Amino acid sequence: MTRVSKIAEAPPYAVETALKRLGANIRTARLRRGLRLDELAAKIGLSRFALSDVEKGKPTTGIAAYVGALWALGLLGDMETVASPDRDEEGKALEAARRPKTAHGSRKLDNEF
């Protein structure tokens, strides 16, 4: 029997909300394109039940299903900015705080003897 991770069993509120919002956005995009659930599911190689779980924002559904749905709907481009190191302000601040305060380099020698 497969074990469910703690985050999938009881995700933090922010995670649960983000997944539900993503699922709802995928559903809206599918409906705007006039696609039936089984049509989009077939395009990405999922069952209609798995795609339904994506649209519900279920935390036990694999990320590949979410990303596959975005790809099939032509919305994958925005994934490039998710967790981008360039947009990670907290990570950049922590990295800068760990840098040495002075530069370590070779000392210039006096040429006077």
C-alpha atoms as a PDB file:
ATOM      1  CA  MET A   1       0.000   0.000   0.000  1.00  0.00           C
ATOM      2  CA  THR A   2       1.287   3.441  -0.922  1.00  0.00           C
ATOM      3  CA  ARG A   3       2.020   5.776   1.924  1.00  0.00           C
ATOM      4  CA  VAL A   4       0.665   9.305   1.664  1.00  0.00           C
ATOM      5  CA  SER A   5       3.032  12.090   2.678  1.00  0.00           C
ATOM      6  CA  LYS A   6       2.158  14.371   5.566  1.00  0.00           C
ATOM      7  CA  ILE A   7       1.868  17.390   3.297  1.00  0.00           C
ATOM      8  CA  ALA A   8      -0.617  15.539   1.076  1.00  0.00           C
ATOM      9  CA  GLU A   9      -2.661  14.312   4.049  1.00  0.00           C
ATOM     10  CA  ALA A  10      -2.905  17.684   5.754  1.00  0.00           C
ATOM     11  CA  PRO A  11      -1.354  20.450   3.675  1.00  0.00           C
ATOM     12  CA  PRO A  12      -0.787  23.883   5.206  1.00  0.00           C
ATOM     13  CA  TYR A  13      -3.612  26.276   4.417  1.00  0.00           C
ATOM     14  CA  ALA A  14      -1.473  28.279   1.958  1.00  0.00           C
ATOM     15  CA  VAL A  15      -0.542  25.119   0.038  1.00  0.00           C
ATOM     16  CA  GLU A  16      -4.131  23.891  -0.058  1.00  0.00           C
ATOM     17  CA  THR A  17      -5.367  27.272  -1.254  1.00  0.00           C
ATOM     18  CA  ALA A  18      -2.696  27.527  -3.971  1.00  0.00           C
ATOM     19  CA  LEU A  19      -3.523  24.047  -5.296  1.00  0.00           C
ATOM     20  CA  LYS A  20      -7.252  24.769  -5.356  1.00  0.00           C
ATOM     21  CA  ARG A  21      -6.643  28.057  -7.155  1.00  0.00           C
ATOM     22  CA  LEU A  22      -4.373  26.361  -9.703  1.00  0.00           C
ATOM     23  CA  GLY A  23      -6.932  23.614 -10.261  1.00  0.00           C
ATOM     24  CA  ALA A  24      -9.736  26.141 -10.703  1.00  0.00           C
ATOM     25  CA  ASN A  25      -7.598  28.121 -13.164  1.00  0.00           C
ATOM     26  CA  ILE A  26      -6.907  24.965 -15.186  1.00  0.00           C
ATOM     27  CA  ARG A  27     -10.626  24.167 -15.235  1.00  0.00           C
ATOM     28  CA  THR A  28     -11.501  27.690 -16.384  1.00  0.00           C
ATOM     29  CA  ALA A  29      -8.889  27.512 -19.169  1.00  0.00           C
ATOM     30  CA  ARG A  30     -10.231  24.120 -20.300  1.00  0.00           C
ATOM     31  CA  LEU A  31     -13.812  25.382 -20.392  1.00  0.00           C
ATOM     32  CA  ARG A  32     -12.840  28.559 -22.255  1.00  0.00           C
ATOM     33  CA  ARG A  33     -11.248  26.370 -24.921  1.00  0.00           C
ATOM     34  CA  GLY A  34     -14.408  24.291 -25.187  1.00  0.00           C
ATOM     35  CA  LEU A  35     -12.628  21.078 -24.206  1.00  0.00           C
ATOM     36  CA  ARG A  36     -14.339  18.234 -22.394  1.00  0.00           C
ATOM     37  CA  LEU A  37     -12.601  16.668 -19.435  1.00  0.00           C
ATOM     38  CA  ASP A  38     -11.922  13.430 -21.310  1.00  0.00           C
ATOM     39  CA  GLU A  39     -10.504  15.317 -24.336  1.00  0.00           C
ATOM     40  CA  LEU A  40      -7.923  17.182 -22.296  1.00  0.00           C
ATOM     41  CA  ALA A  41      -7.141  14.083 -20.232  1.00  0.00           C
ATOM     42  CA  ALA A  42      -6.457  12.066 -23.404  1.00  0.00           C
ATOM     43  CA  LYS A  43      -4.165  14.804 -24.739  1.00  0.00           C
ATOM     44  CA  ILE A  44      -1.906  14.544 -21.678  1.00  0.00           C
ATOM     45  CA  GLY A  45      -2.282  10.825 -21.107  1.00  0.00           C
ATOM     46  CA  LEU A  46      -4.334  10.929 -17.909  1.00  0.00           C
ATOM     47  CA  SER A  47      -7.621   9.388 -16.963  1.00  0.00           C
ATOM     48  CA  ARG A  48     -10.515  11.791 -16.694  1.00  0.00           C
ATOM     49  CA  PHE A  49     -10.576  10.994 -12.972  1.00  0.00           C
ATOM     50  CA  ALA A  50      -6.960  12.124 -12.551  1.00  0.00           C
ATOM     51  CA  LEU A  51      -7.640  15.333 -14.479  1.00  0.00           C
ATOM     52  CA  SER A  52     -10.701  15.898 -12.319  1.00  0.00           C
ATOM     53  CA  ASP A  53      -8.411  15.632  -9.279  1.00  0.00           C
ATOM     54  CA  VAL A  54      -6.134  18.265 -10.855  1.00  0.00           C
ATOM     55  CA  GLU A  55      -9.074  20.609 -11.315  1.00  0.00           C
ATOM     56  CA  LYS A  56     -10.103  20.047  -7.686  1.00  0.00           C
ATOM     57  CA  GLY A  57      -6.587  20.878  -6.537  1.00  0.00           C
ATOM     58  CA  LYS A  58      -6.056  17.587  -4.732  1.00  0.00           C
ATOM     59  CA  PRO A  59      -2.673  17.538  -2.999  1.00  0.00           C
ATOM     60  CA  THR A  60      -2.152  13.826  -3.689  1.00  0.00           C
ATOM     61  CA  THR A  61      -2.116  14.419  -7.439  1.00  0.00           C
ATOM     62  CA  GLY A  62       1.384  14.466  -8.931  1.00  0.00           C
ATOM     63  CA  ILE A  63       2.920  17.695 -10.141  1.00  0.00           C
ATOM     64  CA  ALA A  64       3.379  16.165 -13.605  1.00  0.00           C
ATOM     65  CA  ALA A  65      -0.408  16.074 -13.975  1.00  0.00           C
ATOM     66  CA  TYR A  66      -0.684  19.787 -13.150  1.00  0.00           C
ATOM     67  CA  VAL A  67       2.211  20.744 -15.434  1.00  0.00           C
ATOM     68  CA  GLY A  68       0.890  18.465 -18.184  1.00  0.00           C
ATOM     69  CA  ALA A  69      -2.478  20.197 -18.048  1.00  0.00           C
ATOM     70  CA  LEU A  70      -0.802  23.603 -18.260  1.00  0.00           C
ATOM     71  CA  TRP A  71       1.232  22.396 -21.258  1.00  0.00           C
ATOM     72  CA  ALA A  72      -1.821  21.053 -23.054  1.00  0.00           C
ATOM     73  CA  LEU A  73      -3.623  24.351 -22.514  1.00  0.00           C
ATOM     74  CA  GLY A  74      -0.658  26.414 -23.755  1.00  0.00           C
ATOM     75  CA  LEU A  75      -0.036  27.938 -20.330  1.00  0.00           C
ATOM     76  CA  LEU A  76       3.312  26.351 -19.491  1.00  0.00           C
ATOM     77  CA  GLY A  77       5.362  29.493 -20.199  1.00  0.00           C
ATOM     78  CA  ASP A  78       4.561  30.979 -16.802  1.00  0.00           C
ATOM     79  CA  MET A  79       6.195  27.996 -15.062  1.00  0.00           C
ATOM     80  CA  GLU A  80       9.615  29.415 -15.943  1.00  0.00           C
ATOM     81  CA  THR A  81       9.238  32.080 -13.262  1.00  0.00           C
ATOM     82  CA  VAL A  82       8.063  29.724 -10.506  1.00  0.00           C
ATOM     83  CA  ALA A  83      10.841  29.467  -7.904  1.00  0.00           C
ATOM     84  CA  SER A  84      13.214  31.383 -10.181  1.00  0.00           C
ATOM     85  CA  PRO A  85      16.489  32.157  -8.377  1.00  0.00           C
ATOM     86  CA  ASP A  86      16.326  35.670  -9.833  1.00  0.00           C
ATOM     87  CA  ARG A  87      13.011  36.336  -8.045  1.00  0.00           C
ATOM     88  CA  ASP A  88      14.052  34.750  -4.721  1.00  0.00           C
ATOM     89  CA  GLU A  89      14.598  37.937  -2.701  1.00  0.00           C
ATOM     90  CA  GLU A  90      14.835  36.124   0.646  1.00  0.00           C
ATOM     91  CA  GLY A  91      17.380  33.644  -0.695  1.00  0.00           C
ATOM     92  CA  LYS A  92      19.467  36.430  -2.223  1.00  0.00           C
ATOM     93  CA  ALA A  93      19.450  38.342   1.071  1.00  0.00           C
ATOM     94  CA  LEU A  94      20.546  35.260   3.029  1.00  0.00           C
ATOM     95  CA  GLU A  95      23.305  34.545   0.521  1.00  0.00           C
ATOM     96  CA  ALA A  96      24.552  38.126   0.719  1.00  0.00           C
ATOM     97  CA  ALA A  97      24.607  37.968   4.529  1.00  0.00           C
ATOM     98  CA  ARG A  98      26.869  34.905   4.402  1.00  0.00           C
ATOM     99  CA  ARG A  99      29.394  36.494   2.044  1.00  0.00           C
ATOM    100  CA  PRO A 100      32.682  37.634   3.559  1.00  0.00           C
ATOM    101  CA  LYS A 101      32.686  41.313   4.436  1.00  0.00           C
ATOM    102  CA  THR A 102      36.138  41.921   2.993  1.00  0.00           C
ATOM    103  CA  ALA A 103      37.719  40.594  -0.122  1.00  0.00           C
ATOM    104  CA  HIS A 104      40.438  38.027   0.322  1.00  0.00           C
ATOM    105  CA  GLY A 105      43.109  38.530  -2.240  1.00  0.00           C
ATOM    106  CA  SER A 106      46.809  38.673  -2.659  1.00  0.00           C
ATOM    107  CA  ARG A 107      48.544  41.490  -0.832  1.00  0.00           C
ATOM    108  CA  LYS A 108      50.629  43.858  -2.865  1.00  0.00           C
ATOM    109  CA  LEU A 109      54.266  43.716  -2.028  1.00  0.00           C
ATOM    110  CA  ASP A 110      56.396  46.781  -1.685  1.00  0.00           C
ATOM    111  CA  ASN A 111      59.120  46.934  -4.326  1.00  0.00           C
ATOM    112  CA  GLU A 112      61.309  49.055  -2.094  1.00  0.00           C
ATOM    113  CA  PHE A 113      64.339  47.189  -0.639  1.00  0.00           C
END
